[in-house]
Amino acid sequence: EKYRSYSEIPIGRVQELLFYPNAEAEAAWDADSSDSPPNSMLYLILSAGSVTAVLDDPTAAEMRPVIESLRSVLRMDILNTYAEAE
């Protein structure tokens, strides 16, 4: 399944999510291309008690805002927080 917005994701029913910054990055990963740039996919593994985020290089400077955003969101009780469509 593909979801275009947070509100479409059936939280509580999915166990794995792959996030890409754009269609080109998704196509490169789908083709198992060696041209896939580092950190062009974020892989989330969801369980009842935790979320595991997998990145090529989580120490890269451009990933700091992404990781901090995840930490901020995960401090919230996102399974009991309603998402609003914009």
PDB file of N, CA and C in Angstrom:
ATOM      1  N   GLU A   1       0.838  -1.186   0.000  1.00  0.00           N
ATOM      2  CA  GLU A   1       0.000   0.000   0.000  1.00  0.00           C
ATOM      3  C   GLU A   1       0.880   1.245   0.000  1.00  0.00           C
ATOM      4  N   LYS A   2       0.398   2.280  -0.650  1.00  0.00           N
ATOM      5  CA  LYS A   2       1.092   3.569  -0.620  1.00  0.00           C
ATOM      6  C   LYS A   2       0.162   4.597   0.012  1.00  0.00           C
ATOM      7  N   TYR A   3       0.732   5.456   0.850  1.00  0.00           N
ATOM      8  CA  TYR A   3      -0.015   6.497   1.532  1.00  0.00           C
ATOM      9  C   TYR A   3       0.602   7.842   1.185  1.00  0.00           C
ATOM     10  N   ARG A   4      -0.210   8.801   0.869  1.00  0.00           N
ATOM     11  CA  ARG A   4       0.283  10.119   0.476  1.00  0.00           C
ATOM     12  C   ARG A   4       0.302  11.102   1.638  1.00  0.00           C
ATOM     13  N   SER A   5      -0.353  10.763   2.735  1.00  0.00           N
ATOM     14  CA  SER A   5      -0.349  11.660   3.889  1.00  0.00           C
ATOM     15  C   SER A   5      -0.441  10.846   5.178  1.00  0.00           C
ATOM     16  N   TYR A   6      -0.060  11.483   6.262  1.00  0.00           N
ATOM     17  CA  TYR A   6      -0.105  10.844   7.580  1.00  0.00           C
ATOM     18  C   TYR A   6      -1.502  10.336   7.905  1.00  0.00           C
ATOM     19  N   SER A   7      -2.506  11.100   7.538  1.00  0.00           N
ATOM     20  CA  SER A   7      -3.875  10.730   7.886  1.00  0.00           C
ATOM     21  C   SER A   7      -4.344   9.466   7.182  1.00  0.00           C
ATOM     22  N   GLU A   8      -3.680   9.069   6.109  1.00  0.00           N
ATOM     23  CA  GLU A   8      -4.056   7.848   5.391  1.00  0.00           C
ATOM     24  C   GLU A   8      -3.451   6.582   6.011  1.00  0.00           C
ATOM     25  N   ILE A   9      -2.417   6.734   6.822  1.00  0.00           N
ATOM     26  CA  ILE A   9      -1.721   5.567   7.375  1.00  0.00           C
ATOM     27  C   ILE A   9      -2.592   4.920   8.448  1.00  0.00           C
ATOM     28  N   PRO A  10      -2.882   3.628   8.293  1.00  0.00           N
ATOM     29  CA  PRO A  10      -3.704   2.948   9.306  1.00  0.00           C
ATOM     30  C   PRO A  10      -2.862   2.553  10.525  1.00  0.00           C
ATOM     31  N   ILE A  11      -2.535   3.551  11.336  1.00  0.00           N
ATOM     32  CA  ILE A  11      -1.719   3.323  12.531  1.00  0.00           C
ATOM     33  C   ILE A  11      -2.386   2.229  13.368  1.00  0.00           C
ATOM     34  N   GLY A  12      -1.588   1.308  13.843  1.00  0.00           N
ATOM     35  CA  GLY A  12      -2.114   0.189  14.611  1.00  0.00           C
ATOM     36  C   GLY A  12      -2.319  -1.051  13.755  1.00  0.00           C
ATOM     37  N   ARG A  13      -2.354  -0.887  12.435  1.00  0.00           N
ATOM     38  CA  ARG A  13      -2.518  -2.037  11.543  1.00  0.00           C
ATOM     39  C   ARG A  13      -1.296  -2.293  10.680  1.00  0.00           C
ATOM     40  N   VAL A  14      -0.365  -1.361  10.640  1.00  0.00           N
ATOM     41  CA  VAL A  14       0.854  -1.567   9.857  1.00  0.00           C
ATOM     42  C   VAL A  14       2.016  -1.830  10.803  1.00  0.00           C
ATOM     43  N   GLN A  15       2.964  -2.640  10.344  1.00  0.00           N
ATOM     44  CA  GLN A  15       4.135  -2.941  11.160  1.00  0.00           C
ATOM     45  C   GLN A  15       5.408  -2.375  10.564  1.00  0.00           C
ATOM     46  N   GLU A  16       5.376  -2.054   9.287  1.00  0.00           N
ATOM     47  CA  GLU A  16       6.549  -1.507   8.631  1.00  0.00           C
ATOM     48  C   GLU A  16       6.127  -0.386   7.691  1.00  0.00           C
ATOM     49  N   LEU A  17       6.912   0.686   7.672  1.00  0.00           N
ATOM     50  CA  LEU A  17       6.681   1.807   6.764  1.00  0.00           C
ATOM     51  C   LEU A  17       8.001   2.218   6.133  1.00  0.00           C
ATOM     52  N   LEU A  18       7.955   2.485   4.842  1.00  0.00           N
ATOM     53  CA  LEU A  18       9.104   3.004   4.113  1.00  0.00           C
ATOM     54  C   LEU A  18       8.755   4.401   3.647  1.00  0.00           C
ATOM     55  N   PHE A  19       9.611   5.368   3.970  1.00  0.00           N
ATOM     56  CA  PHE A  19       9.398   6.757   3.584  1.00  0.00           C
ATOM     57  C   PHE A  19      10.489   7.172   2.608  1.00  0.00           C
ATOM     58  N   TYR A  20      10.068   7.810   1.516  1.00  0.00           N
ATOM     59  CA  TYR A  20      10.999   8.321   0.509  1.00  0.00           C
ATOM     60  C   TYR A  20      10.754   9.818   0.339  1.00  0.00           C
ATOM     61  N   PRO A  21      11.799  10.596   0.044  1.00  0.00           N
ATOM     62  CA  PRO A  21      11.608  12.036  -0.129  1.00  0.00           C
ATOM     63  C   PRO A  21      10.935  12.397  -1.448  1.00  0.00           C
ATOM     64  N   ASN A  22      11.012  11.472  -2.430  1.00  0.00           N
ATOM     65  CA  ASN A  22      10.407  11.747  -3.735  1.00  0.00           C
ATOM     66  C   ASN A  22      10.293  10.447  -4.531  1.00  0.00           C
ATOM     67  N   ALA A  23       9.613  10.530  -5.681  1.00  0.00           N
ATOM     68  CA  ALA A  23       9.380   9.350  -6.514  1.00  0.00           C
ATOM     69  C   ALA A  23      10.678   8.784  -7.083  1.00  0.00           C
ATOM     70  N   GLU A  24      11.648   9.651  -7.362  1.00  0.00           N
ATOM     71  CA  GLU A  24      12.921   9.185  -7.913  1.00  0.00           C
ATOM     72  C   GLU A  24      13.667   8.309  -6.906  1.00  0.00           C
ATOM     73  N   ALA A  25      13.659   8.713  -5.655  1.00  0.00           N
ATOM     74  CA  ALA A  25      14.315   7.913  -4.619  1.00  0.00           C
ATOM     75  C   ALA A  25      13.622   6.567  -4.467  1.00  0.00           C
ATOM     76  N   GLU A  26      12.305   6.570  -4.500  1.00  0.00           N
ATOM     77  CA  GLU A  26      11.558   5.314  -4.401  1.00  0.00           C
ATOM     78  C   GLU A  26      11.905   4.392  -5.567  1.00  0.00           C
ATOM     79  N   ALA A  27      11.939   4.932  -6.785  1.00  0.00           N
ATOM     80  CA  ALA A  27      12.260   4.131  -7.966  1.00  0.00           C
ATOM     81  C   ALA A  27      13.675   3.550  -7.872  1.00  0.00           C
ATOM     82  N   ALA A  28      14.625   4.336  -7.385  1.00  0.00           N
ATOM     83  CA  ALA A  28      16.003   3.858  -7.249  1.00  0.00           C
ATOM     84  C   ALA A  28      16.074   2.700  -6.257  1.00  0.00           C
ATOM     85  N   TRP A  29      15.375   2.811  -5.134  1.00  0.00           N
ATOM     86  CA  TRP A  29      15.364   1.732  -4.146  1.00  0.00           C
ATOM     87  C   TRP A  29      14.650   0.507  -4.694  1.00  0.00           C
ATOM     88  N   ASP A  30      13.528   0.704  -5.381  1.00  0.00           N
ATOM     89  CA  ASP A  30      12.788  -0.419  -5.953  1.00  0.00           C
ATOM     90  C   ASP A  30      13.621  -1.168  -6.981  1.00  0.00           C
ATOM     91  N   ALA A  31      14.467  -0.457  -7.707  1.00  0.00           N
ATOM     92  CA  ALA A  31      15.322  -1.066  -8.724  1.00  0.00           C
ATOM     93  C   ALA A  31      16.612  -1.627  -8.115  1.00  0.00           C
ATOM     94  N   ASP A  32      16.778  -1.491  -6.810  1.00  0.00           N
ATOM     95  CA  ASP A  32      17.994  -1.918  -6.118  1.00  0.00           C
ATOM     96  C   ASP A  32      19.222  -1.290  -6.776  1.00  0.00           C
ATOM     97  N   SER A  33      19.079  -0.025  -7.091  1.00  0.00           N
ATOM     98  CA  SER A  33      20.123   0.714  -7.801  1.00  0.00           C
ATOM     99  C   SER A  33      21.258   1.127  -6.880  1.00  0.00           C
ATOM    100  N   SER A  34      22.462   1.017  -7.385  1.00  0.00           N
ATOM    101  CA  SER A  34      23.614   1.478  -6.607  1.00  0.00           C
ATOM    102  C   SER A  34      23.656   3.005  -6.567  1.00  0.00           C
ATOM    103  N   ASP A  35      22.810   3.659  -7.379  1.00  0.00           N
ATOM    104  CA  ASP A  35      22.736   5.119  -7.400  1.00  0.00           C
ATOM    105  C   ASP A  35      21.833   5.683  -6.306  1.00  0.00           C
ATOM    106  N   SER A  36      21.227   4.823  -5.501  1.00  0.00           N
ATOM    107  CA  SER A  36      20.364   5.302  -4.417  1.00  0.00           C
ATOM    108  C   SER A  36      21.203   6.118  -3.449  1.00  0.00           C
ATOM    109  N   PRO A  37      20.891   7.416  -3.289  1.00  0.00           N
ATOM    110  CA  PRO A  37      21.694   8.223  -2.374  1.00  0.00           C
ATOM    111  C   PRO A  37      21.486   7.793  -0.921  1.00  0.00           C
ATOM    112  N   PRO A  38      22.513   7.954  -0.089  1.00  0.00           N
ATOM    113  CA  PRO A  38      22.363   7.621   1.334  1.00  0.00           C
ATOM    114  C   PRO A  38      21.211   8.396   1.962  1.00  0.00           C
ATOM    115  N   ASN A  39      20.533   7.736   2.866  1.00  0.00           N
ATOM    116  CA  ASN A  39      19.428   8.327   3.624  1.00  0.00           C
ATOM    117  C   ASN A  39      18.263   8.778   2.737  1.00  0.00           C
ATOM    118  N   SER A  40      18.093   8.140   1.584  1.00  0.00           N
ATOM    119  CA  SER A  40      16.955   8.501   0.726  1.00  0.00           C
ATOM    120  C   SER A  40      15.740   7.630   1.019  1.00  0.00           C
ATOM    121  N   MET A  41      15.859   6.787   2.038  1.00  0.00           N
ATOM    122  CA  MET A  41      14.715   6.015   2.507  1.00  0.00           C
ATOM    123  C   MET A  41      14.798   5.919   4.026  1.00  0.00           C
ATOM    124  N   LEU A  42      13.675   6.116   4.669  1.00  0.00           N
ATOM    125  CA  LEU A  42      13.556   5.930   6.116  1.00  0.00           C
ATOM    126  C   LEU A  42      12.668   4.711   6.322  1.00  0.00           C
ATOM    127  N   TYR A  43      13.169   3.723   7.016  1.00  0.00           N
ATOM    128  CA  TYR A  43      12.458   2.475   7.250  1.00  0.00           C
ATOM    129  C   TYR A  43      12.044   2.449   8.716  1.00  0.00           C
ATOM    130  N   LEU A  44      10.739   2.405   8.971  1.00  0.00           N
ATOM    131  CA  LEU A  44      10.225   2.349  10.338  1.00  0.00           C
ATOM    132  C   LEU A  44       9.628   0.978  10.602  1.00  0.00           C
ATOM    133  N   ILE A  45      10.006   0.392  11.725  1.00  0.00           N
ATOM    134  CA  ILE A  45       9.456  -0.883  12.163  1.00  0.00           C
ATOM    135  C   ILE A  45       8.655  -0.583  13.422  1.00  0.00           C
ATOM    136  N   LEU A  46       7.358  -0.853  13.366  1.00  0.00           N
ATOM    137  CA  LEU A  46       6.453  -0.484  14.453  1.00  0.00           C
ATOM    138  C   LEU A  46       6.051  -1.707  15.262  1.00  0.00           C
ATOM    139  N   SER A  47       6.048  -1.561  16.569  1.00  0.00           N
ATOM    140  CA  SER A  47       5.539  -2.609  17.451  1.00  0.00           C
ATOM    141  C   SER A  47       4.689  -1.945  18.525  1.00  0.00           C
ATOM    142  N   ALA A  48       4.075  -2.745  19.352  1.00  0.00           N
ATOM    143  CA  ALA A  48       3.189  -2.196  20.381  1.00  0.00           C
ATOM    144  C   ALA A  48       3.912  -1.261  21.331  1.00  0.00           C
ATOM    145  N   GLY A  49       5.193  -1.524  21.604  1.00  0.00           N
ATOM    146  CA  GLY A  49       5.897  -0.720  22.587  1.00  0.00           C
ATOM    147  C   GLY A  49       7.015   0.141  22.063  1.00  0.00           C
ATOM    148  N   SER A  50       7.288   0.050  20.750  1.00  0.00           N
ATOM    149  CA  SER A  50       8.416   0.828  20.251  1.00  0.00           C
ATOM    150  C   SER A  50       8.330   1.061  18.748  1.00  0.00           C
ATOM    151  N   VAL A  51       9.167   1.992  18.303  1.00  0.00           N
ATOM    152  CA  VAL A  51       9.354   2.258  16.881  1.00  0.00           C
ATOM    153  C   VAL A  51      10.854   2.239  16.633  1.00  0.00           C
ATOM    154  N   THR A  52      11.277   1.445  15.663  1.00  0.00           N
ATOM    155  CA  THR A  52      12.684   1.390  15.274  1.00  0.00           C
ATOM    156  C   THR A  52      12.827   2.099  13.943  1.00  0.00           C
ATOM    157  N   ALA A  53      13.741   3.054  13.864  1.00  0.00           N
ATOM    158  CA  ALA A  53      14.015   3.777  12.627  1.00  0.00           C
ATOM    159  C   ALA A  53      15.356   3.300  12.090  1.00  0.00           C
ATOM    160  N   VAL A  54      15.362   2.941  10.797  1.00  0.00           N
ATOM    161  CA  VAL A  54      16.575   2.454  10.152  1.00  0.00           C
ATOM    162  C   VAL A  54      16.955   3.433   9.047  1.00  0.00           C
ATOM    163  N   LEU A  55      18.198   3.929   9.114  1.00  0.00           N
ATOM    164  CA  LEU A  55      18.753   4.854   8.123  1.00  0.00           C
ATOM    165  C   LEU A  55      20.125   4.357   7.700  1.00  0.00           C
ATOM    166  N   ASP A  56      20.582   4.794   6.525  1.00  0.00           N
ATOM    167  CA  ASP A  56      21.941   4.460   6.099  1.00  0.00           C
ATOM    168  C   ASP A  56      22.959   5.093   7.034  1.00  0.00           C
ATOM    169  N   ASP A  57      22.778   6.380   7.313  1.00  0.00           N
ATOM    170  CA  ASP A  57      23.733   7.113   8.145  1.00  0.00           C
ATOM    171  C   ASP A  57      22.989   8.078   9.061  1.00  0.00           C
ATOM    172  N   PRO A  58      22.556   7.612  10.229  1.00  0.00           N
ATOM    173  CA  PRO A  58      21.803   8.484  11.135  1.00  0.00           C
ATOM    174  C   PRO A  58      22.625   9.624  11.715  1.00  0.00           C
ATOM    175  N   THR A  59      23.945   9.590  11.541  1.00  0.00           N
ATOM    176  CA  THR A  59      24.780  10.670  12.061  1.00  0.00           C
ATOM    177  C   THR A  59      24.953  11.808  11.060  1.00  0.00           C
ATOM    178  N   ALA A  60      24.451  11.643   9.841  1.00  0.00           N
ATOM    179  CA  ALA A  60      24.579  12.690   8.823  1.00  0.00           C
ATOM    180  C   ALA A  60      23.830  13.946   9.268  1.00  0.00           C
ATOM    181  N   ALA A  61      24.415  15.101   9.009  1.00  0.00           N
ATOM    182  CA  ALA A  61      23.842  16.376   9.460  1.00  0.00           C
ATOM    183  C   ALA A  61      22.420  16.578   8.956  1.00  0.00           C
ATOM    184  N   GLU A  62      22.132  16.187   7.719  1.00  0.00           N
ATOM    185  CA  GLU A  62      20.788  16.402   7.171  1.00  0.00           C
ATOM    186  C   GLU A  62      19.733  15.524   7.833  1.00  0.00           C
ATOM    187  N   MET A  63      20.160  14.509   8.587  1.00  0.00           N
ATOM    188  CA  MET A  63      19.203  13.628   9.243  1.00  0.00           C
ATOM    189  C   MET A  63      18.849  14.092  10.648  1.00  0.00           C
ATOM    190  N   ARG A  64      19.602  15.027  11.198  1.00  0.00           N
ATOM    191  CA  ARG A  64      19.315  15.491  12.562  1.00  0.00           C
ATOM    192  C   ARG A  64      17.891  16.019  12.719  1.00  0.00           C
ATOM    193  N   PRO A  65      17.400  16.875  11.797  1.00  0.00           N
ATOM    194  CA  PRO A  65      16.019  17.351  11.953  1.00  0.00           C
ATOM    195  C   PRO A  65      14.989  16.225  11.851  1.00  0.00           C
ATOM    196  N   VAL A  66      15.254  15.243  11.012  1.00  0.00           N
ATOM    197  CA  VAL A  66      14.334  14.111  10.864  1.00  0.00           C
ATOM    198  C   VAL A  66      14.291  13.311  12.157  1.00  0.00           C
ATOM    199  N   ILE A  67      15.449  13.016  12.704  1.00  0.00           N
ATOM    200  CA  ILE A  67      15.520  12.234  13.934  1.00  0.00           C
ATOM    201  C   ILE A  67      14.894  12.995  15.100  1.00  0.00           C
ATOM    202  N   GLU A  68      15.152  14.284  15.188  1.00  0.00           N
ATOM    203  CA  GLU A  68      14.545  15.080  16.260  1.00  0.00           C
ATOM    204  C   GLU A  68      13.023  15.149  16.114  1.00  0.00           C
ATOM    205  N   SER A  69      12.541  15.250  14.896  1.00  0.00           N
ATOM    206  CA  SER A  69      11.090  15.246  14.663  1.00  0.00           C
ATOM    207  C   SER A  69      10.474  13.929  15.108  1.00  0.00           C
ATOM    208  N   LEU A  70      11.134  12.826  14.768  1.00  0.00           N
ATOM    209  CA  LEU A  70      10.650  11.517  15.203  1.00  0.00           C
ATOM    210  C   LEU A  70      10.619  11.419  16.719  1.00  0.00           C
ATOM    211  N   ARG A  71      11.691  11.870  17.347  1.00  0.00           N
ATOM    212  CA  ARG A  71      11.730  11.822  18.814  1.00  0.00           C
ATOM    213  C   ARG A  71      10.603  12.652  19.418  1.00  0.00           C
ATOM    214  N   SER A  72      10.353  13.805  18.858  1.00  0.00           N
ATOM    215  CA  SER A  72       9.299  14.675  19.360  1.00  0.00           C
ATOM    216  C   SER A  72       7.933  14.022  19.210  1.00  0.00           C
ATOM    217  N   VAL A  73       7.677  13.476  18.040  1.00  0.00           N
ATOM    218  CA  VAL A  73       6.384  12.831  17.782  1.00  0.00           C
ATOM    219  C   VAL A  73       6.209  11.613  18.667  1.00  0.00           C
ATOM    220  N   LEU A  74       7.275  10.839  18.846  1.00  0.00           N
ATOM    221  CA  LEU A  74       7.160   9.608  19.617  1.00  0.00           C
ATOM    222  C   LEU A  74       7.038   9.850  21.116  1.00  0.00           C
ATOM    223  N   ARG A  75       7.353  11.050  21.566  1.00  0.00           N
ATOM    224  CA  ARG A  75       7.097  11.379  22.977  1.00  0.00           C
ATOM    225  C   ARG A  75       5.606  11.542  23.224  1.00  0.00           C
ATOM    226  N   MET A  76       4.884  11.855  22.141  1.00  0.00           N
ATOM    227  CA  MET A  76       3.429  11.961  22.232  1.00  0.00           C
ATOM    228  C   MET A  76       2.851  10.556  22.185  1.00  0.00           C
ATOM    229  N   ASP A  77       1.649  10.398  22.624  1.00  0.00           N
ATOM    230  CA  ASP A  77       0.950   9.124  22.515  1.00  0.00           C
ATOM    231  C   ASP A  77       0.276   9.101  21.145  1.00  0.00           C
ATOM    232  N   ILE A  78       1.074   8.841  20.078  1.00  0.00           N
ATOM    233  CA  ILE A  78       0.538   8.981  18.725  1.00  0.00           C
ATOM    234  C   ILE A  78      -0.538   7.957  18.405  1.00  0.00           C
ATOM    235  N   LEU A  79      -0.555   6.829  19.103  1.00  0.00           N
ATOM    236  CA  LEU A  79      -1.601   5.848  18.818  1.00  0.00           C
ATOM    237  C   LEU A  79      -2.960   6.311  19.330  1.00  0.00           C
ATOM    238  N   ASN A  80      -2.954   7.256  20.247  1.00  0.00           N
ATOM    239  CA  ASN A  80      -4.210   7.798  20.772  1.00  0.00           C
ATOM    240  C   ASN A  80      -4.399   9.263  20.430  1.00  0.00           C
ATOM    241  N   THR A  81      -3.693   9.724  19.408  1.00  0.00           N
ATOM    242  CA  THR A  81      -3.801  11.098  18.955  1.00  0.00           C
ATOM    243  C   THR A  81      -4.371  11.088  17.555  1.00  0.00           C
ATOM    244  N   TYR A  82      -5.431  11.842  17.335  1.00  0.00           N
ATOM    245  CA  TYR A  82      -6.068  11.870  16.022  1.00  0.00           C
ATOM    246  C   TYR A  82      -5.289  12.781  15.084  1.00  0.00           C
ATOM    247  N   ALA A  83      -5.073  12.302  13.878  1.00  0.00           N
ATOM    248  CA  ALA A  83      -4.426  13.113  12.853  1.00  0.00           C
ATOM    249  C   ALA A  83      -5.506  13.914  12.123  1.00  0.00           C
ATOM    250  N   GLU A  84      -5.191  15.136  11.802  1.00  0.00           N
ATOM    251  CA  GLU A  84      -6.126  15.975  11.068  1.00  0.00           C
ATOM    252  C   GLU A  84      -5.640  16.173   9.656  1.00  0.00           C
ATOM    253  N   ALA A  85      -6.540  15.989   8.708  1.00  0.00           N
ATOM    254  CA  ALA A  85      -6.193  16.239   7.317  1.00  0.00           C
ATOM    255  C   ALA A  85      -6.202  17.740   7.064  1.00  0.00           C
ATOM    256  N   GLU A  86      -5.253  18.191   6.272  1.00  0.00           N
ATOM    257  CA  GLU A  86      -5.195  19.621   5.951  1.00  0.00           C
ATOM    258  C   GLU A  86      -5.874  19.899   4.644  1.00  0.00           C
TER     259      GLU A  86
END
